[in-house]
Amino acid sequence: MQRLNNLKFMKRFLKIILAVVLVTFTVFQQATAENRPLVIDKANTSVVVFGESTLHDFTSKVTSFDLKVLIDEETGNIEGARFVFNFADMDSDSAKRDKAMLKWLSHSSFPVGTFSSTRIVQEKNQWFAEGTLTIHGVKKKLRFPFDLKNEAGKITIDASPVIDYQNWDLEIIKVMGFLKVSPELEIALHVEGK
C-alpha cells in the first residue's frame, strides 16, 4: 500500500514539474519572440571618434565592427545593444597617428573595445542607453542620450557620447612635452537598419 501511495505521489509530482517546465518554456518563447535583431545597413552606419589636440582636431573612423541591436517588434523600441570593435580597425587618415594610438592603448594586450547595454530607458521625450564600456581592459559604466526614429520600419539611431579616456587608465597623450590630446573624446554613432 505504501508503495502504491509513493507511485501516485511521484506521478503527481512529475505532472507538476512537467507543467512548470511547459509554462516556463512558453513564457520564455513569447518573451524572445517579441524581440528581434535589427538588420544593420552597414553602408549607412558609422562610428567616428572626434578628438582635439593643441595644434589641430582630428577624427578617427571605425572601419569594421560588430553591432547587434534588439528591437521590440510591437513598439519598435530598442531593447538592448552590443558593439564590439578592434582598435586596429580605426583609421584617422594618418598611419603614424594610428600606430602611436595602438601603442598607447596597449593594443597587443587589449585589442578590442566593447559596449554592452544593460538598460534602455525613456525619460520624458529622451532615450538613454546605460551599459558598460570596456577599453584598455577597464570596464566603466556609461550612460548617454540617443535619438531613435522609426519611420515605416526604417530605424535610425544617433548618439554622441563624450568620454574622458583617463577613466580607462589611459594617460594624457603628449607629444614633445607641450602638445597634448584633450582627454575628452566624442564618439558619434549613426545607425540605420530595418
N, C-alpha and C. Protein backbone atom coordinates (compact mmCIF):
# COMPACT_ATOMS: atom_id res chain seq x y z
N MET A 1 0.82 -1.20 0.00
CA MET A 1 0.00 0.00 0.00
C MET A 1 0.87 1.27 0.00
N GLN A 2 1.90 1.23 0.82
CA GLN A 2 2.83 2.37 0.89
C GLN A 2 3.48 2.61 -0.47
N ARG A 3 3.84 1.52 -1.14
CA ARG A 3 4.48 1.61 -2.45
C ARG A 3 3.52 2.23 -3.48
N LEU A 4 2.25 1.88 -3.43
CA LEU A 4 1.24 2.42 -4.33
C LEU A 4 1.06 3.92 -4.09
N ASN A 5 1.05 4.33 -2.82
CA ASN A 5 0.94 5.75 -2.47
C ASN A 5 2.16 6.52 -2.99
N ASN A 6 3.35 5.91 -2.86
CA ASN A 6 4.58 6.55 -3.35
C ASN A 6 4.53 6.74 -4.86
N LEU A 7 4.02 5.74 -5.59
CA LEU A 7 3.90 5.85 -7.04
C LEU A 7 2.93 6.95 -7.44
N LYS A 8 1.79 7.04 -6.75
CA LYS A 8 0.81 8.09 -7.03
C LYS A 8 1.41 9.48 -6.78
N PHE A 9 2.14 9.58 -5.68
CA PHE A 9 2.80 10.85 -5.33
C PHE A 9 3.82 11.22 -6.41
N MET A 10 4.62 10.26 -6.86
CA MET A 10 5.64 10.51 -7.89
C MET A 10 4.99 10.95 -9.20
N LYS A 11 3.87 10.33 -9.59
CA LYS A 11 3.18 10.70 -10.82
C LYS A 11 2.67 12.14 -10.73
N ARG A 12 2.06 12.48 -9.60
CA ARG A 12 1.58 13.85 -9.39
C ARG A 12 2.73 14.85 -9.43
N PHE A 13 3.79 14.49 -8.77
CA PHE A 13 4.98 15.35 -8.71
C PHE A 13 5.55 15.59 -10.10
N LEU A 14 5.66 14.52 -10.91
CA LEU A 14 6.18 14.65 -12.27
C LEU A 14 5.26 15.49 -13.15
N LYS A 15 3.94 15.37 -12.97
CA LYS A 15 3.00 16.17 -13.73
C LYS A 15 3.17 17.66 -13.40
N ILE A 16 3.35 17.94 -12.12
CA ILE A 16 3.55 19.34 -11.69
C ILE A 16 4.83 19.89 -12.30
N ILE A 17 5.92 19.12 -12.22
CA ILE A 17 7.21 19.56 -12.77
C ILE A 17 7.08 19.79 -14.28
N LEU A 18 6.43 18.87 -14.97
CA LEU A 18 6.24 19.00 -16.40
C LEU A 18 5.42 20.24 -16.74
N ALA A 19 4.39 20.52 -15.98
CA ALA A 19 3.56 21.70 -16.20
C ALA A 19 4.37 22.98 -16.00
N VAL A 20 5.19 23.01 -14.95
CA VAL A 20 6.04 24.19 -14.67
C VAL A 20 7.02 24.41 -15.82
N VAL A 21 7.65 23.33 -16.29
CA VAL A 21 8.60 23.43 -17.40
C VAL A 21 7.91 23.94 -18.65
N LEU A 22 6.72 23.42 -18.97
CA LEU A 22 5.99 23.86 -20.16
C LEU A 22 5.59 25.33 -20.07
N VAL A 23 5.11 25.76 -18.91
CA VAL A 23 4.72 27.16 -18.72
C VAL A 23 5.94 28.06 -18.86
N THR A 24 7.05 27.68 -18.23
CA THR A 24 8.28 28.48 -18.31
C THR A 24 8.76 28.58 -19.74
N PHE A 25 8.77 27.46 -20.47
CA PHE A 25 9.20 27.46 -21.86
C PHE A 25 8.32 28.35 -22.71
N THR A 26 7.01 28.28 -22.50
CA THR A 26 6.06 29.09 -23.28
C THR A 26 6.27 30.58 -23.01
N VAL A 27 6.43 30.96 -21.74
CA VAL A 27 6.66 32.37 -21.39
C VAL A 27 7.97 32.86 -21.99
N PHE A 28 9.03 32.04 -21.89
CA PHE A 28 10.33 32.41 -22.45
C PHE A 28 10.23 32.58 -23.96
N GLN A 29 9.52 31.67 -24.61
CA GLN A 29 9.37 31.72 -26.06
C GLN A 29 8.63 32.98 -26.48
N GLN A 30 7.58 33.34 -25.73
CA GLN A 30 6.83 34.56 -26.05
C GLN A 30 7.69 35.79 -25.83
N ALA A 31 8.50 35.81 -24.77
CA ALA A 31 9.35 36.97 -24.47
C ALA A 31 10.40 37.17 -25.56
N THR A 32 11.02 36.08 -26.00
CA THR A 32 12.06 36.21 -27.01
C THR A 32 11.46 36.45 -28.38
N ALA A 33 10.24 36.00 -28.62
CA ALA A 33 9.61 36.20 -29.92
C ALA A 33 9.28 37.68 -30.14
N GLU A 34 9.10 38.45 -29.07
CA GLU A 34 8.77 39.86 -29.19
C GLU A 34 9.97 40.69 -29.63
N ASN A 35 11.19 40.23 -29.34
CA ASN A 35 12.39 40.96 -29.70
C ASN A 35 13.01 40.32 -30.94
N ARG A 36 13.54 41.18 -31.82
CA ARG A 36 14.22 40.66 -32.99
C ARG A 36 15.48 41.50 -33.23
N PRO A 37 16.48 40.91 -33.85
CA PRO A 37 17.68 41.70 -34.14
C PRO A 37 17.42 42.68 -35.28
N LEU A 38 17.94 43.88 -35.13
CA LEU A 38 17.86 44.88 -36.20
C LEU A 38 18.83 44.45 -37.31
N VAL A 39 18.36 44.48 -38.54
CA VAL A 39 19.24 44.19 -39.68
C VAL A 39 19.95 45.50 -40.01
N ILE A 40 21.24 45.55 -39.67
CA ILE A 40 22.03 46.78 -39.80
C ILE A 40 22.38 47.04 -41.26
N ASP A 41 22.17 48.29 -41.69
CA ASP A 41 22.60 48.75 -43.01
C ASP A 41 24.02 49.29 -42.84
N LYS A 42 25.02 48.43 -43.04
CA LYS A 42 26.42 48.80 -42.77
C LYS A 42 26.90 49.94 -43.65
N ALA A 43 26.36 50.04 -44.87
CA ALA A 43 26.79 51.12 -45.77
C ALA A 43 26.40 52.49 -45.23
N ASN A 44 25.34 52.56 -44.43
CA ASN A 44 24.86 53.84 -43.89
C ASN A 44 25.00 53.94 -42.38
N THR A 45 25.82 53.07 -41.80
CA THR A 45 26.08 53.09 -40.37
C THR A 45 27.52 53.50 -40.15
N SER A 46 27.75 54.40 -39.20
CA SER A 46 29.12 54.87 -38.98
C SER A 46 29.39 55.12 -37.50
N VAL A 47 30.67 54.93 -37.14
CA VAL A 47 31.16 55.25 -35.81
C VAL A 47 32.44 56.06 -36.00
N VAL A 48 32.42 57.31 -35.53
CA VAL A 48 33.56 58.20 -35.70
C VAL A 48 33.92 58.81 -34.35
N VAL A 49 35.22 58.85 -34.06
CA VAL A 49 35.72 59.44 -32.82
C VAL A 49 36.34 60.79 -33.16
N PHE A 50 35.92 61.84 -32.44
CA PHE A 50 36.44 63.18 -32.63
C PHE A 50 37.35 63.54 -31.46
N GLY A 51 38.55 64.01 -31.77
CA GLY A 51 39.48 64.41 -30.73
C GLY A 51 40.03 65.80 -30.99
N GLU A 52 40.51 66.44 -29.93
CA GLU A 52 41.12 67.76 -30.05
C GLU A 52 42.54 67.69 -29.49
N SER A 53 43.46 68.32 -30.22
CA SER A 53 44.83 68.41 -29.71
C SER A 53 45.25 69.88 -29.73
N THR A 54 46.41 70.16 -29.20
CA THR A 54 46.89 71.53 -29.09
C THR A 54 46.93 72.22 -30.45
N LEU A 55 47.38 71.52 -31.48
CA LEU A 55 47.53 72.13 -32.80
C LEU A 55 46.32 71.99 -33.71
N HIS A 56 45.64 70.84 -33.64
CA HIS A 56 44.53 70.61 -34.55
C HIS A 56 43.59 69.53 -34.02
N ASP A 57 42.39 69.54 -34.56
CA ASP A 57 41.42 68.49 -34.24
C ASP A 57 41.62 67.34 -35.20
N PHE A 58 41.12 66.16 -34.84
CA PHE A 58 41.25 65.00 -35.73
C PHE A 58 40.04 64.10 -35.56
N THR A 59 39.82 63.27 -36.55
CA THR A 59 38.77 62.26 -36.49
C THR A 59 39.38 60.89 -36.77
N SER A 60 38.74 59.88 -36.23
CA SER A 60 39.17 58.51 -36.47
C SER A 60 37.92 57.67 -36.68
N LYS A 61 37.81 57.07 -37.85
CA LYS A 61 36.61 56.30 -38.19
C LYS A 61 36.84 54.82 -37.91
N VAL A 62 35.85 54.18 -37.28
CA VAL A 62 35.90 52.74 -37.06
C VAL A 62 35.43 52.08 -38.36
N THR A 63 36.36 51.40 -39.04
CA THR A 63 36.06 50.87 -40.38
C THR A 63 35.40 49.50 -40.37
N SER A 64 35.52 48.77 -39.27
CA SER A 64 34.90 47.44 -39.17
C SER A 64 34.46 47.22 -37.73
N PHE A 65 33.27 46.67 -37.55
CA PHE A 65 32.74 46.47 -36.20
C PHE A 65 31.63 45.44 -36.25
N ASP A 66 31.27 44.96 -35.07
CA ASP A 66 30.13 44.04 -34.93
C ASP A 66 29.11 44.74 -34.04
N LEU A 67 27.93 44.96 -34.56
CA LEU A 67 26.89 45.66 -33.83
C LEU A 67 25.62 44.82 -33.84
N LYS A 68 25.10 44.56 -32.65
CA LYS A 68 23.83 43.84 -32.51
C LYS A 68 22.88 44.76 -31.75
N VAL A 69 21.68 44.95 -32.31
CA VAL A 69 20.65 45.77 -31.66
C VAL A 69 19.37 44.95 -31.65
N LEU A 70 18.74 44.82 -30.47
CA LEU A 70 17.47 44.12 -30.35
C LEU A 70 16.33 45.12 -30.35
N ILE A 71 15.32 44.84 -31.19
CA ILE A 71 14.16 45.72 -31.34
C ILE A 71 12.91 45.00 -30.83
N ASP A 72 12.08 45.72 -30.09
CA ASP A 72 10.78 45.19 -29.68
C ASP A 72 9.85 45.25 -30.88
N GLU A 73 9.35 44.10 -31.31
CA GLU A 73 8.51 44.01 -32.50
C GLU A 73 7.26 44.89 -32.42
N GLU A 74 6.65 44.96 -31.23
CA GLU A 74 5.39 45.70 -31.08
C GLU A 74 5.61 47.20 -31.09
N THR A 75 6.59 47.68 -30.32
CA THR A 75 6.77 49.12 -30.14
C THR A 75 7.79 49.73 -31.09
N GLY A 76 8.72 48.91 -31.61
CA GLY A 76 9.80 49.45 -32.43
C GLY A 76 10.91 50.07 -31.61
N ASN A 77 10.84 49.91 -30.29
CA ASN A 77 11.86 50.48 -29.40
C ASN A 77 13.05 49.53 -29.26
N ILE A 78 14.17 50.09 -28.87
CA ILE A 78 15.38 49.30 -28.65
C ILE A 78 15.29 48.62 -27.29
N GLU A 79 15.62 47.35 -27.25
CA GLU A 79 15.60 46.58 -26.01
C GLU A 79 17.01 46.30 -25.50
N GLY A 80 18.01 46.36 -26.37
CA GLY A 80 19.38 46.10 -25.96
C GLY A 80 20.32 46.26 -27.14
N ALA A 81 21.61 46.40 -26.84
CA ALA A 81 22.61 46.55 -27.90
C ALA A 81 23.97 46.10 -27.40
N ARG A 82 24.78 45.64 -28.36
CA ARG A 82 26.17 45.27 -28.07
C ARG A 82 27.02 45.68 -29.27
N PHE A 83 28.10 46.41 -28.98
CA PHE A 83 29.00 46.93 -30.01
C PHE A 83 30.41 46.44 -29.69
N VAL A 84 31.06 45.80 -30.67
CA VAL A 84 32.42 45.27 -30.48
C VAL A 84 33.27 45.70 -31.67
N PHE A 85 34.48 46.16 -31.40
CA PHE A 85 35.39 46.53 -32.49
C PHE A 85 36.83 46.33 -32.05
N ASN A 86 37.71 46.20 -33.05
CA ASN A 86 39.14 46.09 -32.79
C ASN A 86 39.75 47.47 -33.04
N PHE A 87 40.59 47.93 -32.12
CA PHE A 87 41.20 49.26 -32.27
C PHE A 87 42.06 49.37 -33.52
N ALA A 88 42.53 48.24 -34.04
CA ALA A 88 43.31 48.25 -35.28
C ALA A 88 42.43 48.64 -36.47
N ASP A 89 41.10 48.61 -36.30
CA ASP A 89 40.17 48.98 -37.36
C ASP A 89 39.73 50.44 -37.25
N MET A 90 40.56 51.26 -36.61
CA MET A 90 40.30 52.70 -36.55
C MET A 90 41.26 53.40 -37.51
N ASP A 91 40.72 54.31 -38.31
CA ASP A 91 41.51 54.98 -39.34
C ASP A 91 41.37 56.50 -39.19
N SER A 92 42.49 57.16 -38.89
CA SER A 92 42.47 58.62 -38.71
C SER A 92 43.09 59.34 -39.91
N ASP A 93 43.32 58.61 -41.00
CA ASP A 93 43.99 59.16 -42.19
C ASP A 93 45.45 59.52 -41.92
N SER A 94 46.03 58.95 -40.87
CA SER A 94 47.44 59.14 -40.57
C SER A 94 47.98 57.83 -40.00
N ALA A 95 48.74 57.10 -40.81
CA ALA A 95 49.29 55.81 -40.36
C ALA A 95 50.16 55.99 -39.13
N LYS A 96 50.90 57.10 -39.07
CA LYS A 96 51.77 57.38 -37.91
C LYS A 96 50.94 57.57 -36.64
N ARG A 97 49.87 58.35 -36.75
CA ARG A 97 48.99 58.58 -35.59
C ARG A 97 48.32 57.27 -35.15
N ASP A 98 47.85 56.48 -36.13
CA ASP A 98 47.18 55.21 -35.80
C ASP A 98 48.13 54.24 -35.11
N LYS A 99 49.37 54.19 -35.56
CA LYS A 99 50.36 53.31 -34.93
C LYS A 99 50.64 53.76 -33.50
N ALA A 100 50.77 55.08 -33.29
CA ALA A 100 51.00 55.62 -31.94
C ALA A 100 49.80 55.34 -31.03
N MET A 101 48.57 55.43 -31.60
CA MET A 101 47.37 55.16 -30.82
C MET A 101 47.35 53.71 -30.33
N LEU A 102 47.69 52.76 -31.22
CA LEU A 102 47.69 51.36 -30.84
C LEU A 102 48.72 51.08 -29.73
N LYS A 103 49.86 51.74 -29.81
CA LYS A 103 50.88 51.58 -28.75
C LYS A 103 50.34 52.14 -27.43
N TRP A 104 49.74 53.32 -27.48
CA TRP A 104 49.18 53.99 -26.30
C TRP A 104 48.09 53.14 -25.65
N LEU A 105 47.31 52.44 -26.48
CA LEU A 105 46.22 51.60 -25.98
C LEU A 105 46.68 50.22 -25.50
N SER A 106 47.97 49.91 -25.65
CA SER A 106 48.49 48.56 -25.35
C SER A 106 47.70 47.53 -26.15
N HIS A 107 47.60 47.80 -27.47
CA HIS A 107 46.77 47.00 -28.35
C HIS A 107 47.08 45.52 -28.31
N SER A 108 48.35 45.16 -28.17
CA SER A 108 48.69 43.73 -28.15
C SER A 108 48.07 43.02 -26.95
N SER A 109 47.84 43.74 -25.88
CA SER A 109 47.21 43.15 -24.68
C SER A 109 45.70 43.38 -24.64
N PHE A 110 45.26 44.50 -25.18
CA PHE A 110 43.83 44.86 -25.13
C PHE A 110 43.37 45.31 -26.52
N PRO A 111 43.21 44.36 -27.45
CA PRO A 111 42.90 44.73 -28.83
C PRO A 111 41.47 45.20 -29.08
N VAL A 112 40.53 44.82 -28.21
CA VAL A 112 39.11 45.02 -28.50
C VAL A 112 38.46 46.00 -27.52
N GLY A 113 37.55 46.81 -28.05
CA GLY A 113 36.69 47.66 -27.24
C GLY A 113 35.26 47.17 -27.37
N THR A 114 34.47 47.28 -26.29
CA THR A 114 33.08 46.82 -26.34
C THR A 114 32.18 47.77 -25.57
N PHE A 115 30.95 47.85 -26.02
CA PHE A 115 29.89 48.49 -25.23
C PHE A 115 28.72 47.54 -25.20
N SER A 116 28.27 47.18 -24.01
CA SER A 116 27.10 46.31 -23.84
C SER A 116 26.06 47.06 -23.02
N SER A 117 24.88 47.24 -23.61
CA SER A 117 23.83 47.94 -22.87
C SER A 117 23.23 46.99 -21.82
N THR A 118 22.97 47.55 -20.67
CA THR A 118 22.31 46.80 -19.61
C THR A 118 20.88 47.29 -19.42
N ARG A 119 20.61 48.50 -19.96
CA ARG A 119 19.28 49.08 -19.76
C ARG A 119 19.06 50.19 -20.77
N ILE A 120 17.89 50.20 -21.39
CA ILE A 120 17.47 51.28 -22.29
C ILE A 120 16.23 51.90 -21.66
N VAL A 121 16.27 53.22 -21.41
CA VAL A 121 15.13 53.87 -20.76
C VAL A 121 14.72 55.13 -21.52
N GLN A 122 13.45 55.47 -21.38
CA GLN A 122 12.95 56.71 -21.94
C GLN A 122 12.51 57.59 -20.79
N GLU A 123 13.06 58.80 -20.74
CA GLU A 123 12.69 59.78 -19.73
C GLU A 123 12.12 60.99 -20.45
N LYS A 124 10.84 61.23 -20.25
CA LYS A 124 10.10 62.25 -20.99
C LYS A 124 10.23 61.93 -22.47
N ASN A 125 10.84 62.81 -23.26
CA ASN A 125 10.96 62.54 -24.70
C ASN A 125 12.36 62.13 -25.11
N GLN A 126 13.21 61.78 -24.13
CA GLN A 126 14.59 61.45 -24.44
C GLN A 126 14.92 60.00 -24.09
N TRP A 127 15.58 59.30 -25.01
CA TRP A 127 16.05 57.94 -24.76
C TRP A 127 17.45 57.97 -24.17
N PHE A 128 17.74 57.00 -23.29
CA PHE A 128 19.07 56.87 -22.70
C PHE A 128 19.52 55.41 -22.77
N ALA A 129 20.79 55.22 -23.10
CA ALA A 129 21.40 53.89 -23.06
C ALA A 129 22.29 53.83 -21.83
N GLU A 130 22.17 52.77 -21.08
CA GLU A 130 23.03 52.54 -19.92
C GLU A 130 23.74 51.22 -20.14
N GLY A 131 25.02 51.19 -19.83
CA GLY A 131 25.75 49.95 -20.04
C GLY A 131 27.19 50.04 -19.58
N THR A 132 27.99 49.13 -20.10
CA THR A 132 29.40 49.05 -19.73
C THR A 132 30.27 49.20 -20.97
N LEU A 133 31.19 50.17 -20.89
CA LEU A 133 32.16 50.39 -21.95
C LEU A 133 33.50 49.85 -21.47
N THR A 134 34.07 48.94 -22.27
CA THR A 134 35.36 48.35 -21.92
C THR A 134 36.41 48.82 -22.92
N ILE A 135 37.43 49.48 -22.38
CA ILE A 135 38.58 49.96 -23.16
C ILE A 135 39.83 49.68 -22.34
N HIS A 136 40.89 49.24 -22.98
CA HIS A 136 42.17 49.06 -22.30
C HIS A 136 42.04 48.08 -21.14
N GLY A 137 41.10 47.15 -21.26
CA GLY A 137 40.88 46.16 -20.21
C GLY A 137 40.13 46.67 -19.00
N VAL A 138 39.65 47.91 -19.06
CA VAL A 138 38.95 48.54 -17.92
C VAL A 138 37.47 48.68 -18.27
N LYS A 139 36.60 48.24 -17.36
CA LYS A 139 35.15 48.34 -17.55
C LYS A 139 34.61 49.50 -16.74
N LYS A 140 33.85 50.36 -17.41
CA LYS A 140 33.24 51.50 -16.74
C LYS A 140 31.79 51.64 -17.18
N LYS A 141 30.95 52.05 -16.25
CA LYS A 141 29.55 52.31 -16.56
C LYS A 141 29.46 53.57 -17.41
N LEU A 142 28.54 53.55 -18.35
CA LEU A 142 28.35 54.70 -19.23
C LEU A 142 26.85 54.88 -19.46
N ARG A 143 26.42 56.13 -19.40
CA ARG A 143 25.01 56.47 -19.67
C ARG A 143 25.01 57.65 -20.61
N PHE A 144 24.27 57.54 -21.71
CA PHE A 144 24.26 58.63 -22.67
C PHE A 144 22.91 58.70 -23.39
N PRO A 145 22.52 59.91 -23.81
CA PRO A 145 21.26 60.06 -24.54
C PRO A 145 21.43 59.64 -26.00
N PHE A 146 20.33 59.22 -26.61
CA PHE A 146 20.36 58.94 -28.04
C PHE A 146 18.99 59.25 -28.64
N ASP A 147 19.00 59.49 -29.94
CA ASP A 147 17.76 59.75 -30.67
C ASP A 147 17.37 58.50 -31.42
N LEU A 148 16.09 58.19 -31.42
CA LEU A 148 15.56 57.00 -32.08
C LEU A 148 14.40 57.41 -32.98
N LYS A 149 14.51 57.03 -34.25
CA LYS A 149 13.41 57.27 -35.20
C LYS A 149 13.02 55.94 -35.81
N ASN A 150 11.71 55.74 -35.94
CA ASN A 150 11.19 54.55 -36.60
C ASN A 150 10.16 55.03 -37.61
N GLU A 151 10.57 55.10 -38.88
CA GLU A 151 9.71 55.59 -39.94
C GLU A 151 9.45 54.47 -40.94
N ALA A 152 8.25 53.94 -40.90
CA ALA A 152 7.84 52.87 -41.82
C ALA A 152 8.79 51.68 -41.76
N GLY A 153 9.21 51.33 -40.55
CA GLY A 153 10.08 50.17 -40.37
C GLY A 153 11.56 50.46 -40.52
N LYS A 154 11.93 51.66 -41.01
CA LYS A 154 13.35 52.03 -41.08
C LYS A 154 13.72 52.69 -39.75
N ILE A 155 14.70 52.11 -39.08
CA ILE A 155 15.10 52.60 -37.76
C ILE A 155 16.43 53.34 -37.87
N THR A 156 16.46 54.53 -37.27
CA THR A 156 17.68 55.35 -37.24
C THR A 156 18.01 55.67 -35.79
N ILE A 157 19.28 55.46 -35.43
CA ILE A 157 19.76 55.75 -34.07
C ILE A 157 20.94 56.70 -34.19
N ASP A 158 20.91 57.79 -33.41
CA ASP A 158 22.02 58.74 -33.38
C ASP A 158 22.39 59.03 -31.94
N ALA A 159 23.70 58.99 -31.66
CA ALA A 159 24.19 59.29 -30.32
C ALA A 159 25.57 59.91 -30.43
N SER A 160 25.92 60.75 -29.46
CA SER A 160 27.24 61.39 -29.42
C SER A 160 27.78 61.46 -28.00
N PRO A 161 28.02 60.30 -27.37
CA PRO A 161 28.55 60.36 -26.01
C PRO A 161 29.97 60.93 -25.98
N VAL A 162 30.28 61.61 -24.90
CA VAL A 162 31.64 62.14 -24.68
C VAL A 162 32.23 61.39 -23.51
N ILE A 163 33.44 60.87 -23.71
CA ILE A 163 34.12 60.15 -22.64
C ILE A 163 35.45 60.82 -22.32
N ASP A 164 35.92 60.62 -21.10
CA ASP A 164 37.25 61.05 -20.68
C ASP A 164 38.11 59.80 -20.62
N TYR A 165 39.04 59.66 -21.56
CA TYR A 165 39.81 58.41 -21.64
C TYR A 165 40.66 58.12 -20.41
N GLN A 166 40.90 59.12 -19.57
CA GLN A 166 41.65 58.89 -18.33
C GLN A 166 40.90 57.94 -17.40
N ASN A 167 39.56 57.89 -17.52
CA ASN A 167 38.76 56.99 -16.69
C ASN A 167 39.01 55.52 -17.01
N TRP A 168 39.68 55.25 -18.13
CA TRP A 168 40.01 53.88 -18.53
C TRP A 168 41.52 53.63 -18.37
N ASP A 169 42.11 54.32 -17.39
CA ASP A 169 43.54 54.16 -17.05
C ASP A 169 44.46 54.44 -18.23
N LEU A 170 44.10 55.42 -19.05
CA LEU A 170 44.94 55.84 -20.16
C LEU A 170 45.51 57.22 -19.85
N GLU A 171 46.81 57.36 -20.06
CA GLU A 171 47.48 58.63 -19.76
C GLU A 171 47.17 59.66 -20.83
N ILE A 172 47.25 60.94 -20.44
CA ILE A 172 47.07 62.02 -21.41
C ILE A 172 48.17 61.90 -22.46
N ILE A 173 47.77 61.99 -23.73
CA ILE A 173 48.72 61.86 -24.83
C ILE A 173 49.47 63.19 -24.98
N LYS A 174 50.81 63.10 -24.88
CA LYS A 174 51.65 64.29 -25.04
C LYS A 174 52.69 64.02 -26.11
N VAL A 175 52.96 65.06 -26.90
CA VAL A 175 53.99 64.98 -27.94
C VAL A 175 54.95 66.14 -27.72
N MET A 176 56.23 65.85 -27.67
CA MET A 176 57.29 66.85 -27.46
C MET A 176 57.07 67.65 -26.18
N GLY A 177 56.39 67.09 -25.23
CA GLY A 177 56.26 67.71 -23.91
C GLY A 177 55.20 68.79 -23.78
N PHE A 178 54.83 69.48 -24.86
CA PHE A 178 53.86 70.56 -24.71
C PHE A 178 52.61 70.39 -25.57
N LEU A 179 52.67 69.56 -26.61
CA LEU A 179 51.48 69.29 -27.40
C LEU A 179 50.73 68.14 -26.75
N LYS A 180 49.43 68.27 -26.61
CA LYS A 180 48.68 67.18 -25.98
C LYS A 180 47.30 67.02 -26.61
N VAL A 181 46.78 65.80 -26.45
CA VAL A 181 45.43 65.48 -26.92
C VAL A 181 44.48 65.61 -25.73
N SER A 182 43.41 66.34 -25.91
CA SER A 182 42.42 66.51 -24.84
C SER A 182 41.93 65.14 -24.37
N PRO A 183 41.73 64.96 -23.06
CA PRO A 183 41.24 63.66 -22.58
C PRO A 183 39.79 63.38 -22.94
N GLU A 184 39.07 64.41 -23.41
CA GLU A 184 37.68 64.20 -23.79
C GLU A 184 37.57 63.86 -25.28
N LEU A 185 36.93 62.73 -25.55
CA LEU A 185 36.69 62.29 -26.92
C LEU A 185 35.19 62.16 -27.15
N GLU A 186 34.73 62.63 -28.30
CA GLU A 186 33.33 62.47 -28.66
C GLU A 186 33.20 61.30 -29.63
N ILE A 187 32.25 60.41 -29.35
CA ILE A 187 32.01 59.26 -30.21
C ILE A 187 30.68 59.46 -30.91
N ALA A 188 30.73 59.69 -32.21
CA ALA A 188 29.50 59.93 -32.98
C ALA A 188 29.05 58.62 -33.61
N LEU A 189 27.86 58.18 -33.21
CA LEU A 189 27.31 56.91 -33.70
C LEU A 189 26.05 57.18 -34.51
N HIS A 190 26.04 56.67 -35.73
CA HIS A 190 24.85 56.76 -36.58
C HIS A 190 24.55 55.37 -37.09
N VAL A 191 23.35 54.86 -36.78
CA VAL A 191 22.96 53.52 -37.17
C VAL A 191 21.67 53.57 -37.98
N GLU A 192 21.65 52.82 -39.07
CA GLU A 192 20.43 52.66 -39.84
C GLU A 192 20.18 51.17 -40.03
N GLY A 193 18.92 50.79 -39.99
CA GLY A 193 18.57 49.38 -40.19
C GLY A 193 17.08 49.17 -40.28
N LYS A 194 16.69 47.91 -40.48
CA LYS A 194 15.27 47.54 -40.57
C LYS A 194 15.00 46.33 -39.71
